[in-house]
Amino acid sequence: MDRVVHIIDDEVEVRDSLAMLLKSMGMKSHGWCDGNSFLNRIDDVQPGCVLLDLHIPRLDGFEVQRRIEDRSKDFPVIMISGHADAAMAAEALRTGARDFLGKPFTRDDLVQSLSEAFDWMGSDERCCEIRRLAADKVAKLRPAETEMLRLLGEGRADKTISRLLELSHDDIDLCREIVLLRLEVNRMSSAIRMYFDAQQHLDD
């Protein structure tokens, strides 16, 4: 079955641009101008990943994400936004988004994010395996590295993290680089997502 991506964004130019990019990647897409339009048809459309803009009219991205998860597990969400801070990104990941991409994002970032999201659409056993693998990797982090991830997951600013961990800004930057290397990812949003997956594995 073809991989399908649902694009929920109120800007038609963004929907058209993403549709062209996805087509060049061999994926089908459907565009939606707001969350209600998609939610009203969610039982009729083909399951797939959802590129969901955070700042859309009527229902915002967080509410749309919550309602999608309440209705179906077949639509992993990748939140996108051109006007979001670290706290918003962390909130999206904490509440279930598989990734958060700031606009503009690169083709490579989108490819990686979609690949991970489609992987999540597998069986329940596959989702459990993803969480277990995340827990195994996070367990190898040093305490300060794990604590930094926890604070990032809470949406704390670098200045606050530096103060709480009693580390300089340079040390925090180095800690980020080490975390990415240890977890074998190239973006902090992926590292934070892995941290939340690991926590869910431990809670199960």
N, C-alpha and C. Protein backbone atom coordinates (compact mmCIF):
# COMPACT_ATOMS: atom_id res chain seq x y z
N MET A 1 0.84 -1.20 0.00
CA MET A 1 0.00 0.00 0.00
C MET A 1 0.88 1.25 0.00
N ASP A 2 0.47 2.25 -0.78
CA ASP A 2 1.24 3.49 -0.85
C ASP A 2 1.26 4.19 0.50
N ARG A 3 2.39 4.82 0.77
CA ARG A 3 2.49 5.63 1.98
C ARG A 3 1.79 6.97 1.74
N VAL A 4 0.96 7.35 2.70
CA VAL A 4 0.16 8.57 2.56
C VAL A 4 0.50 9.53 3.69
N VAL A 5 0.60 10.80 3.34
CA VAL A 5 0.84 11.85 4.32
C VAL A 5 -0.30 12.85 4.25
N HIS A 6 -0.91 13.13 5.39
CA HIS A 6 -1.97 14.13 5.47
C HIS A 6 -1.37 15.44 5.96
N ILE A 7 -1.54 16.50 5.19
CA ILE A 7 -0.97 17.80 5.51
C ILE A 7 -2.08 18.71 6.03
N ILE A 8 -1.99 19.09 7.29
CA ILE A 8 -2.99 19.99 7.88
C ILE A 8 -2.32 21.34 8.12
N ASP A 9 -2.63 22.28 7.25
CA ASP A 9 -2.02 23.62 7.32
C ASP A 9 -2.97 24.60 6.65
N ASP A 10 -3.18 25.75 7.26
CA ASP A 10 -4.14 26.71 6.70
C ASP A 10 -3.57 27.50 5.53
N GLU A 11 -2.27 27.40 5.28
CA GLU A 11 -1.66 28.13 4.17
C GLU A 11 -1.58 27.22 2.95
N VAL A 12 -2.31 27.58 1.89
CA VAL A 12 -2.37 26.73 0.70
C VAL A 12 -1.00 26.60 0.06
N GLU A 13 -0.18 27.65 0.15
CA GLU A 13 1.16 27.58 -0.44
C GLU A 13 2.01 26.51 0.26
N VAL A 14 1.86 26.41 1.57
CA VAL A 14 2.60 25.40 2.32
C VAL A 14 2.12 24.01 1.94
N ARG A 15 0.81 23.84 1.86
CA ARG A 15 0.26 22.52 1.49
C ARG A 15 0.74 22.11 0.11
N ASP A 16 0.70 23.03 -0.84
CA ASP A 16 1.11 22.71 -2.21
C ASP A 16 2.60 22.40 -2.28
N SER A 17 3.40 23.18 -1.56
CA SER A 17 4.85 22.96 -1.57
C SER A 17 5.21 21.60 -0.97
N LEU A 18 4.57 21.27 0.15
CA LEU A 18 4.84 19.98 0.79
C LEU A 18 4.34 18.83 -0.08
N ALA A 19 3.21 19.03 -0.74
CA ALA A 19 2.67 17.98 -1.61
C ALA A 19 3.64 17.68 -2.75
N MET A 20 4.23 18.72 -3.33
CA MET A 20 5.20 18.53 -4.40
C MET A 20 6.45 17.81 -3.88
N LEU A 21 6.90 18.20 -2.70
CA LEU A 21 8.08 17.56 -2.12
C LEU A 21 7.80 16.09 -1.83
N LEU A 22 6.65 15.80 -1.27
CA LEU A 22 6.30 14.42 -0.96
C LEU A 22 6.15 13.58 -2.23
N LYS A 23 5.61 14.18 -3.28
CA LYS A 23 5.48 13.46 -4.55
C LYS A 23 6.85 13.09 -5.09
N SER A 24 7.82 14.01 -4.94
CA SER A 24 9.19 13.72 -5.41
C SER A 24 9.83 12.61 -4.59
N MET A 25 9.28 12.36 -3.39
CA MET A 25 9.78 11.29 -2.52
C MET A 25 8.99 10.00 -2.71
N GLY A 26 8.05 10.01 -3.66
CA GLY A 26 7.27 8.81 -3.95
C GLY A 26 6.11 8.58 -3.01
N MET A 27 5.64 9.64 -2.36
CA MET A 27 4.54 9.51 -1.41
C MET A 27 3.31 10.28 -1.89
N LYS A 28 2.15 9.75 -1.56
CA LYS A 28 0.91 10.45 -1.83
C LYS A 28 0.60 11.37 -0.66
N SER A 29 -0.18 12.41 -0.93
CA SER A 29 -0.54 13.33 0.14
C SER A 29 -1.95 13.85 -0.07
N HIS A 30 -2.55 14.26 1.03
CA HIS A 30 -3.86 14.91 1.01
C HIS A 30 -3.75 16.16 1.87
N GLY A 31 -4.25 17.28 1.37
CA GLY A 31 -4.17 18.53 2.10
C GLY A 31 -5.48 18.87 2.79
N TRP A 32 -5.35 19.46 3.98
CA TRP A 32 -6.51 19.86 4.77
C TRP A 32 -6.25 21.26 5.31
N CYS A 33 -7.26 22.14 5.19
CA CYS A 33 -7.06 23.54 5.57
C CYS A 33 -7.17 23.77 7.07
N ASP A 34 -7.76 22.82 7.80
CA ASP A 34 -7.84 22.95 9.26
C ASP A 34 -8.07 21.57 9.87
N GLY A 35 -7.98 21.52 11.19
CA GLY A 35 -8.11 20.24 11.87
C GLY A 35 -9.48 19.63 11.78
N ASN A 36 -10.52 20.47 11.84
CA ASN A 36 -11.88 19.94 11.78
C ASN A 36 -12.15 19.21 10.47
N SER A 37 -11.64 19.76 9.37
CA SER A 37 -11.85 19.14 8.07
C SER A 37 -11.30 17.72 8.06
N PHE A 38 -10.11 17.56 8.64
CA PHE A 38 -9.50 16.23 8.70
C PHE A 38 -10.24 15.32 9.66
N LEU A 39 -10.55 15.83 10.85
CA LEU A 39 -11.20 15.00 11.86
C LEU A 39 -12.57 14.51 11.39
N ASN A 40 -13.26 15.33 10.61
CA ASN A 40 -14.58 14.93 10.11
C ASN A 40 -14.50 13.78 9.12
N ARG A 41 -13.31 13.56 8.54
CA ARG A 41 -13.15 12.50 7.54
C ARG A 41 -12.19 11.40 7.99
N ILE A 42 -11.74 11.44 9.22
CA ILE A 42 -10.67 10.55 9.66
C ILE A 42 -11.06 9.07 9.53
N ASP A 43 -12.34 8.76 9.65
CA ASP A 43 -12.77 7.37 9.55
C ASP A 43 -12.83 6.88 8.10
N ASP A 44 -12.74 7.80 7.15
CA ASP A 44 -12.91 7.45 5.74
C ASP A 44 -11.61 7.49 4.94
N VAL A 45 -10.58 8.15 5.47
CA VAL A 45 -9.35 8.33 4.70
C VAL A 45 -8.35 7.23 5.01
N GLN A 46 -7.38 7.08 4.12
CA GLN A 46 -6.35 6.06 4.30
C GLN A 46 -5.43 6.46 5.45
N PRO A 47 -5.13 5.53 6.35
CA PRO A 47 -4.19 5.85 7.43
C PRO A 47 -2.85 6.31 6.88
N GLY A 48 -2.21 7.18 7.63
CA GLY A 48 -0.91 7.69 7.21
C GLY A 48 -0.38 8.68 8.22
N CYS A 49 0.79 9.20 7.95
CA CYS A 49 1.38 10.21 8.83
C CYS A 49 0.66 11.54 8.65
N VAL A 50 0.69 12.35 9.69
CA VAL A 50 0.05 13.66 9.66
C VAL A 50 1.08 14.74 9.92
N LEU A 51 1.27 15.63 8.93
CA LEU A 51 2.07 16.83 9.13
C LEU A 51 1.11 17.91 9.61
N LEU A 52 1.21 18.26 10.87
CA LEU A 52 0.21 19.11 11.51
C LEU A 52 0.83 20.43 11.95
N ASP A 53 0.34 21.52 11.36
CA ASP A 53 0.83 22.84 11.76
C ASP A 53 0.28 23.18 13.14
N LEU A 54 1.14 23.71 13.98
CA LEU A 54 0.74 24.03 15.35
C LEU A 54 -0.27 25.17 15.39
N HIS A 55 -0.06 26.18 14.55
CA HIS A 55 -0.89 27.38 14.60
C HIS A 55 -1.88 27.39 13.44
N ILE A 56 -2.98 26.68 13.62
CA ILE A 56 -4.03 26.64 12.62
C ILE A 56 -5.31 27.19 13.24
N PRO A 57 -6.23 27.69 12.41
CA PRO A 57 -7.44 28.31 12.96
C PRO A 57 -8.39 27.30 13.59
N ARG A 58 -9.31 27.82 14.39
CA ARG A 58 -10.35 27.05 15.08
C ARG A 58 -9.74 26.15 16.15
N LEU A 59 -9.32 24.95 15.81
CA LEU A 59 -8.64 24.09 16.77
C LEU A 59 -7.14 24.20 16.55
N ASP A 60 -6.37 24.47 17.62
CA ASP A 60 -4.93 24.55 17.42
C ASP A 60 -4.33 23.15 17.30
N GLY A 61 -3.05 23.09 16.96
CA GLY A 61 -2.40 21.82 16.70
C GLY A 61 -2.45 20.86 17.88
N PHE A 62 -2.28 21.37 19.10
CA PHE A 62 -2.31 20.50 20.27
C PHE A 62 -3.66 19.81 20.42
N GLU A 63 -4.74 20.55 20.22
CA GLU A 63 -6.07 19.98 20.36
C GLU A 63 -6.36 18.99 19.24
N VAL A 64 -5.93 19.32 18.03
CA VAL A 64 -6.13 18.39 16.91
C VAL A 64 -5.36 17.10 17.17
N GLN A 65 -4.12 17.22 17.64
CA GLN A 65 -3.32 16.04 17.95
C GLN A 65 -4.02 15.17 18.99
N ARG A 66 -4.55 15.80 20.04
CA ARG A 66 -5.23 15.04 21.09
C ARG A 66 -6.44 14.29 20.53
N ARG A 67 -7.21 14.96 19.67
CA ARG A 67 -8.41 14.32 19.13
C ARG A 67 -8.06 13.22 18.14
N ILE A 68 -6.97 13.39 17.40
CA ILE A 68 -6.52 12.32 16.50
C ILE A 68 -6.18 11.08 17.31
N GLU A 69 -5.43 11.25 18.39
CA GLU A 69 -5.03 10.11 19.21
C GLU A 69 -6.22 9.46 19.90
N ASP A 70 -7.24 10.26 20.23
CA ASP A 70 -8.45 9.70 20.84
C ASP A 70 -9.23 8.85 19.84
N ARG A 71 -9.13 9.20 18.56
CA ARG A 71 -9.93 8.53 17.54
C ARG A 71 -9.23 7.33 16.92
N SER A 72 -7.90 7.43 16.74
CA SER A 72 -7.20 6.37 16.01
C SER A 72 -5.71 6.41 16.32
N LYS A 73 -5.10 5.23 16.31
CA LYS A 73 -3.65 5.11 16.49
C LYS A 73 -2.93 4.98 15.15
N ASP A 74 -3.68 5.13 14.05
CA ASP A 74 -3.12 4.91 12.72
C ASP A 74 -2.63 6.18 12.05
N PHE A 75 -2.53 7.28 12.83
CA PHE A 75 -2.13 8.56 12.24
C PHE A 75 -1.07 9.23 13.11
N PRO A 76 0.17 8.73 13.07
CA PRO A 76 1.23 9.38 13.86
C PRO A 76 1.43 10.82 13.41
N VAL A 77 1.57 11.71 14.38
CA VAL A 77 1.63 13.14 14.10
C VAL A 77 3.06 13.65 14.14
N ILE A 78 3.40 14.45 13.13
CA ILE A 78 4.63 15.23 13.13
C ILE A 78 4.20 16.69 13.18
N MET A 79 4.46 17.34 14.29
CA MET A 79 4.06 18.74 14.45
C MET A 79 5.06 19.63 13.72
N ILE A 80 4.54 20.64 13.01
CA ILE A 80 5.40 21.59 12.32
C ILE A 80 4.99 23.01 12.70
N SER A 81 5.95 23.92 12.72
CA SER A 81 5.63 25.30 13.05
C SER A 81 6.79 26.21 12.69
N GLY A 82 6.44 27.41 12.27
CA GLY A 82 7.45 28.43 12.02
C GLY A 82 7.54 29.41 13.16
N HIS A 83 6.67 29.26 14.16
CA HIS A 83 6.63 30.21 15.28
C HIS A 83 6.43 29.44 16.58
N ALA A 84 7.43 28.69 16.97
CA ALA A 84 7.32 27.91 18.21
C ALA A 84 8.63 27.99 18.97
N ASP A 85 8.51 27.91 20.29
CA ASP A 85 9.71 27.90 21.12
C ASP A 85 9.97 26.49 21.63
N ALA A 86 11.01 26.35 22.44
CA ALA A 86 11.40 25.03 22.94
C ALA A 86 10.29 24.41 23.78
N ALA A 87 9.58 25.24 24.54
CA ALA A 87 8.52 24.72 25.40
C ALA A 87 7.39 24.11 24.57
N MET A 88 7.03 24.77 23.47
CA MET A 88 5.97 24.24 22.60
C MET A 88 6.40 22.94 21.95
N ALA A 89 7.65 22.89 21.48
CA ALA A 89 8.16 21.67 20.86
C ALA A 89 8.15 20.52 21.86
N ALA A 90 8.59 20.79 23.08
CA ALA A 90 8.62 19.76 24.12
C ALA A 90 7.21 19.29 24.45
N GLU A 91 6.25 20.22 24.51
CA GLU A 91 4.87 19.86 24.80
C GLU A 91 4.30 18.95 23.72
N ALA A 92 4.61 19.25 22.47
CA ALA A 92 4.13 18.42 21.37
C ALA A 92 4.66 16.99 21.50
N LEU A 93 5.94 16.86 21.80
CA LEU A 93 6.55 15.54 21.93
C LEU A 93 6.03 14.82 23.17
N ARG A 94 5.88 15.56 24.26
CA ARG A 94 5.42 14.95 25.51
C ARG A 94 4.01 14.40 25.36
N THR A 95 3.18 15.08 24.57
CA THR A 95 1.79 14.66 24.42
C THR A 95 1.57 13.70 23.26
N GLY A 96 2.66 13.22 22.64
CA GLY A 96 2.50 12.13 21.70
C GLY A 96 2.95 12.33 20.28
N ALA A 97 3.31 13.56 19.88
CA ALA A 97 3.81 13.74 18.52
C ALA A 97 5.08 12.93 18.34
N ARG A 98 5.24 12.34 17.17
CA ARG A 98 6.44 11.54 16.93
C ARG A 98 7.65 12.42 16.63
N ASP A 99 7.41 13.66 16.23
CA ASP A 99 8.52 14.57 15.97
C ASP A 99 7.98 15.99 15.92
N PHE A 100 8.91 16.93 15.96
CA PHE A 100 8.58 18.35 15.83
C PHE A 100 9.59 18.96 14.87
N LEU A 101 9.09 19.58 13.81
CA LEU A 101 9.96 20.21 12.81
C LEU A 101 9.65 21.69 12.74
N GLY A 102 10.68 22.50 12.89
CA GLY A 102 10.52 23.94 12.74
C GLY A 102 10.64 24.34 11.28
N LYS A 103 9.73 25.19 10.83
CA LYS A 103 9.80 25.69 9.46
C LYS A 103 10.85 26.79 9.37
N PRO A 104 11.62 26.84 8.28
CA PRO A 104 11.66 25.84 7.21
C PRO A 104 12.54 24.66 7.64
N PHE A 105 12.17 23.47 7.22
CA PHE A 105 12.97 22.29 7.53
C PHE A 105 13.53 21.72 6.23
N THR A 106 14.57 20.93 6.36
CA THR A 106 15.23 20.39 5.18
C THR A 106 14.54 19.12 4.70
N ARG A 107 14.80 18.78 3.47
CA ARG A 107 14.27 17.53 2.92
C ARG A 107 14.77 16.34 3.74
N ASP A 108 16.05 16.37 4.12
CA ASP A 108 16.61 15.26 4.89
C ASP A 108 15.91 15.10 6.23
N ASP A 109 15.63 16.23 6.89
CA ASP A 109 14.92 16.16 8.17
C ASP A 109 13.53 15.56 7.99
N LEU A 110 12.86 15.95 6.92
CA LEU A 110 11.51 15.43 6.66
C LEU A 110 11.56 13.94 6.35
N VAL A 111 12.53 13.53 5.55
CA VAL A 111 12.68 12.11 5.22
C VAL A 111 12.88 11.28 6.48
N GLN A 112 13.78 11.74 7.35
CA GLN A 112 14.05 11.00 8.58
C GLN A 112 12.82 10.95 9.48
N SER A 113 12.17 12.10 9.62
CA SER A 113 11.00 12.18 10.49
C SER A 113 9.87 11.27 10.00
N LEU A 114 9.61 11.29 8.71
CA LEU A 114 8.55 10.45 8.15
C LEU A 114 8.90 8.97 8.27
N SER A 115 10.17 8.64 8.04
CA SER A 115 10.60 7.25 8.15
C SER A 115 10.33 6.71 9.55
N GLU A 116 10.66 7.50 10.57
CA GLU A 116 10.43 7.08 11.94
C GLU A 116 8.94 7.00 12.26
N ALA A 117 8.17 7.94 11.72
CA ALA A 117 6.73 7.94 11.98
C ALA A 117 6.05 6.74 11.32
N PHE A 118 6.42 6.43 10.08
CA PHE A 118 5.83 5.27 9.42
C PHE A 118 6.23 3.98 10.12
N ASP A 119 7.44 3.94 10.65
CA ASP A 119 7.87 2.77 11.42
C ASP A 119 6.97 2.57 12.63
N TRP A 120 6.55 3.68 13.23
CA TRP A 120 5.67 3.64 14.40
C TRP A 120 4.29 3.10 14.04
N MET A 121 3.91 3.18 12.76
CA MET A 121 2.59 2.71 12.33
C MET A 121 2.51 1.19 12.23
N GLY A 122 3.59 0.51 12.56
CA GLY A 122 3.58 -0.95 12.49
C GLY A 122 2.70 -1.56 13.57
N SER A 123 2.92 -2.80 13.87
CA SER A 123 2.12 -3.52 14.85
C SER A 123 2.40 -3.00 16.26
N ASP A 124 1.54 -3.40 17.21
CA ASP A 124 1.77 -3.04 18.60
C ASP A 124 3.11 -3.60 19.08
N GLU A 125 3.46 -4.77 18.56
CA GLU A 125 4.75 -5.37 18.93
C GLU A 125 5.90 -4.49 18.47
N ARG A 126 5.76 -3.90 17.27
CA ARG A 126 6.82 -3.03 16.76
C ARG A 126 6.94 -1.77 17.62
N CYS A 127 5.82 -1.21 18.04
CA CYS A 127 5.85 -0.02 18.89
C CYS A 127 6.53 -0.34 20.22
N CYS A 128 6.23 -1.51 20.77
CA CYS A 128 6.87 -1.92 22.02
C CYS A 128 8.37 -2.09 21.82
N GLU A 129 8.75 -2.62 20.65
CA GLU A 129 10.17 -2.80 20.35
C GLU A 129 10.88 -1.46 20.24
N ILE A 130 10.23 -0.48 19.62
CA ILE A 130 10.81 0.86 19.50
C ILE A 130 11.04 1.45 20.89
N ARG A 131 10.07 1.28 21.78
CA ARG A 131 10.22 1.80 23.14
C ARG A 131 11.33 1.07 23.89
N ARG A 132 11.42 -0.25 23.70
CA ARG A 132 12.46 -1.02 24.39
C ARG A 132 13.85 -0.60 23.91
N LEU A 133 14.00 -0.43 22.60
CA LEU A 133 15.29 0.00 22.06
C LEU A 133 15.66 1.39 22.57
N ALA A 134 14.65 2.26 22.67
CA ALA A 134 14.90 3.60 23.20
C ALA A 134 15.37 3.52 24.65
N ALA A 135 14.72 2.67 25.43
CA ALA A 135 15.10 2.52 26.84
C ALA A 135 16.52 1.99 26.97
N ASP A 136 16.90 1.05 26.11
CA ASP A 136 18.26 0.50 26.14
C ASP A 136 19.29 1.59 25.87
N LYS A 137 19.00 2.46 24.90
CA LYS A 137 19.95 3.52 24.56
C LYS A 137 20.01 4.60 25.64
N VAL A 138 18.85 5.01 26.12
CA VAL A 138 18.82 6.05 27.15
C VAL A 138 19.51 5.58 28.43
N ALA A 139 19.42 4.28 28.71
CA ALA A 139 20.05 3.73 29.91
C ALA A 139 21.56 3.86 29.88
N LYS A 140 22.14 4.04 28.70
CA LYS A 140 23.59 4.15 28.57
C LYS A 140 24.09 5.58 28.78
N LEU A 141 23.16 6.53 28.90
CA LEU A 141 23.56 7.91 29.13
C LEU A 141 24.05 8.09 30.57
N ARG A 142 24.91 9.06 30.75
CA ARG A 142 25.35 9.41 32.09
C ARG A 142 24.23 10.18 32.78
N PRO A 143 24.23 10.21 34.12
CA PRO A 143 23.15 10.89 34.85
C PRO A 143 22.90 12.32 34.41
N ALA A 144 23.96 13.10 34.21
CA ALA A 144 23.79 14.50 33.80
C ALA A 144 23.15 14.59 32.42
N GLU A 145 23.49 13.65 31.54
CA GLU A 145 22.93 13.65 30.19
C GLU A 145 21.44 13.30 30.22
N THR A 146 21.09 12.32 31.05
CA THR A 146 19.68 11.95 31.19
C THR A 146 18.88 13.10 31.80
N GLU A 147 19.47 13.76 32.79
CA GLU A 147 18.79 14.88 33.44
C GLU A 147 18.59 16.03 32.46
N MET A 148 19.57 16.27 31.60
CA MET A 148 19.42 17.32 30.60
C MET A 148 18.26 16.99 29.66
N LEU A 149 18.17 15.73 29.24
CA LEU A 149 17.07 15.32 28.37
C LEU A 149 15.72 15.51 29.07
N ARG A 150 15.68 15.16 30.35
CA ARG A 150 14.43 15.32 31.10
C ARG A 150 14.01 16.79 31.14
N LEU A 151 14.97 17.67 31.38
CA LEU A 151 14.68 19.10 31.46
C LEU A 151 14.27 19.65 30.09
N LEU A 152 14.93 19.17 29.05
CA LEU A 152 14.54 19.59 27.70
C LEU A 152 13.12 19.12 27.40
N GLY A 153 12.79 17.92 27.86
CA GLY A 153 11.45 17.39 27.67
C GLY A 153 10.39 18.19 28.40
N GLU A 154 10.80 18.90 29.44
CA GLU A 154 9.89 19.79 30.16
C GLU A 154 9.81 21.16 29.52
N GLY A 155 10.61 21.37 28.46
CA GLY A 155 10.59 22.66 27.78
C GLY A 155 11.43 23.72 28.46
N ARG A 156 12.37 23.30 29.31
CA ARG A 156 13.21 24.28 30.01
C ARG A 156 14.19 24.93 29.04
N ALA A 157 14.45 26.21 29.25
CA ALA A 157 15.40 26.95 28.43
C ALA A 157 16.83 26.57 28.80
N ASP A 158 17.75 26.78 27.86
CA ASP A 158 19.15 26.43 28.11
C ASP A 158 19.70 27.13 29.35
N LYS A 159 19.32 28.39 29.54
CA LYS A 159 19.81 29.14 30.70
C LYS A 159 19.38 28.47 32.00
N THR A 160 18.14 28.00 32.03
CA THR A 160 17.63 27.32 33.22
C THR A 160 18.34 25.98 33.42
N ILE A 161 18.53 25.24 32.33
CA ILE A 161 19.21 23.95 32.42
C ILE A 161 20.64 24.14 32.92
N SER A 162 21.29 25.17 32.41
CA SER A 162 22.66 25.46 32.84
C SER A 162 22.72 25.72 34.34
N ARG A 163 21.75 26.48 34.84
CA ARG A 163 21.72 26.79 36.28
C ARG A 163 21.41 25.55 37.11
N LEU A 164 20.42 24.77 36.69
CA LEU A 164 20.01 23.60 37.47
C LEU A 164 21.09 22.52 37.51
N LEU A 165 21.80 22.36 36.40
CA LEU A 165 22.84 21.33 36.34
C LEU A 165 24.21 21.86 36.76
N GLU A 166 24.27 23.17 37.01
CA GLU A 166 25.52 23.82 37.40
C GLU A 166 26.61 23.57 36.36
N LEU A 167 26.22 23.77 35.10
CA LEU A 167 27.13 23.62 33.98
C LEU A 167 27.15 24.92 33.17
N SER A 168 28.29 25.19 32.55
CA SER A 168 28.38 26.38 31.69
C SER A 168 27.61 26.14 30.40
N HIS A 169 27.35 27.21 29.67
CA HIS A 169 26.65 27.07 28.39
C HIS A 169 27.46 26.20 27.42
N ASP A 170 28.78 26.34 27.47
CA ASP A 170 29.63 25.51 26.61
C ASP A 170 29.51 24.04 27.00
N ASP A 171 29.42 23.77 28.30
CA ASP A 171 29.27 22.39 28.76
C ASP A 171 27.92 21.82 28.32
N ILE A 172 26.88 22.66 28.35
CA ILE A 172 25.56 22.21 27.91
C ILE A 172 25.59 21.87 26.42
N ASP A 173 26.25 22.71 25.63
CA ASP A 173 26.36 22.44 24.19
C ASP A 173 27.10 21.13 23.95
N LEU A 174 28.17 20.91 24.70
CA LEU A 174 28.93 19.66 24.56
C LEU A 174 28.09 18.47 24.99
N CYS A 175 27.32 18.65 26.05
CA CYS A 175 26.45 17.57 26.53
C CYS A 175 25.42 17.20 25.46
N ARG A 176 24.88 18.19 24.78
CA ARG A 176 23.93 17.93 23.69
C ARG A 176 24.59 17.07 22.60
N GLU A 177 25.80 17.45 22.21
CA GLU A 177 26.49 16.72 21.15
C GLU A 177 26.75 15.27 21.57
N ILE A 178 27.13 15.08 22.82
CA ILE A 178 27.40 13.73 23.31
C ILE A 178 26.12 12.89 23.34
N VAL A 179 25.02 13.51 23.76
CA VAL A 179 23.73 12.80 23.80
C VAL A 179 23.33 12.35 22.40
N LEU A 180 23.48 13.23 21.42
CA LEU A 180 23.14 12.87 20.04
C LEU A 180 23.98 11.69 19.57
N LEU A 181 25.26 11.72 19.91
CA LEU A 181 26.15 10.63 19.50
C LEU A 181 25.77 9.32 20.19
N ARG A 182 25.51 9.38 21.49
CA ARG A 182 25.19 8.16 22.23
C ARG A 182 23.86 7.56 21.77
N LEU A 183 22.90 8.41 21.46
CA LEU A 183 21.59 7.91 21.04
C LEU A 183 21.51 7.64 19.55
N GLU A 184 22.57 8.02 18.83
CA GLU A 184 22.68 7.77 17.39
C GLU A 184 21.56 8.48 16.61
N VAL A 185 21.33 9.74 16.97
CA VAL A 185 20.38 10.59 16.25
C VAL A 185 21.08 11.90 15.93
N ASN A 186 20.48 12.70 15.05
CA ASN A 186 21.15 13.95 14.67
C ASN A 186 20.36 15.20 15.01
N ARG A 187 19.21 15.04 15.69
CA ARG A 187 18.43 16.21 16.10
C ARG A 187 17.94 16.01 17.53
N MET A 188 17.88 17.11 18.29
CA MET A 188 17.45 17.00 19.68
C MET A 188 16.00 16.56 19.80
N SER A 189 15.16 16.92 18.83
CA SER A 189 13.77 16.47 18.92
C SER A 189 13.69 14.95 18.89
N SER A 190 14.57 14.31 18.11
CA SER A 190 14.60 12.84 18.07
C SER A 190 15.08 12.28 19.41
N ALA A 191 16.05 12.96 20.02
CA ALA A 191 16.55 12.52 21.32
C ALA A 191 15.47 12.64 22.39
N ILE A 192 14.73 13.74 22.38
CA ILE A 192 13.65 13.92 23.36
C ILE A 192 12.55 12.90 23.14
N ARG A 193 12.21 12.65 21.86
CA ARG A 193 11.21 11.63 21.56
C ARG A 193 11.66 10.27 22.10
N MET A 194 12.95 9.96 21.94
CA MET A 194 13.49 8.70 22.43
C MET A 194 13.39 8.63 23.96
N TYR A 195 13.64 9.75 24.61
CA TYR A 195 13.54 9.79 26.08
C TYR A 195 12.11 9.48 26.52
N PHE A 196 11.12 10.08 25.87
CA PHE A 196 9.73 9.82 26.23
C PHE A 196 9.34 8.37 25.94
N ASP A 197 9.83 7.83 24.82
CA ASP A 197 9.55 6.42 24.51
C ASP A 197 10.15 5.51 25.58
N ALA A 198 11.35 5.85 26.03
CA ALA A 198 12.01 5.06 27.06
C ALA A 198 11.22 5.11 28.36
N GLN A 199 10.73 6.29 28.72
CA GLN A 199 9.95 6.43 29.94
C GLN A 199 8.66 5.62 29.86
N GLN A 200 8.03 5.62 28.69
CA GLN A 200 6.80 4.85 28.53
C GLN A 200 7.07 3.36 28.64
N HIS A 201 8.22 2.92 28.11
CA HIS A 201 8.59 1.51 28.23
C HIS A 201 8.76 1.12 29.70
N LEU A 202 9.39 1.99 30.47
CA LEU A 202 9.61 1.69 31.88
C LEU A 202 8.30 1.71 32.67
N ASP A 203 7.34 2.52 32.21
CA ASP A 203 6.06 2.61 32.92
C ASP A 203 5.12 1.45 32.59
N ASP A 204 5.35 0.80 31.44
CA ASP A 204 4.46 -0.29 31.01
C ASP A 204 4.64 -1.53 31.90
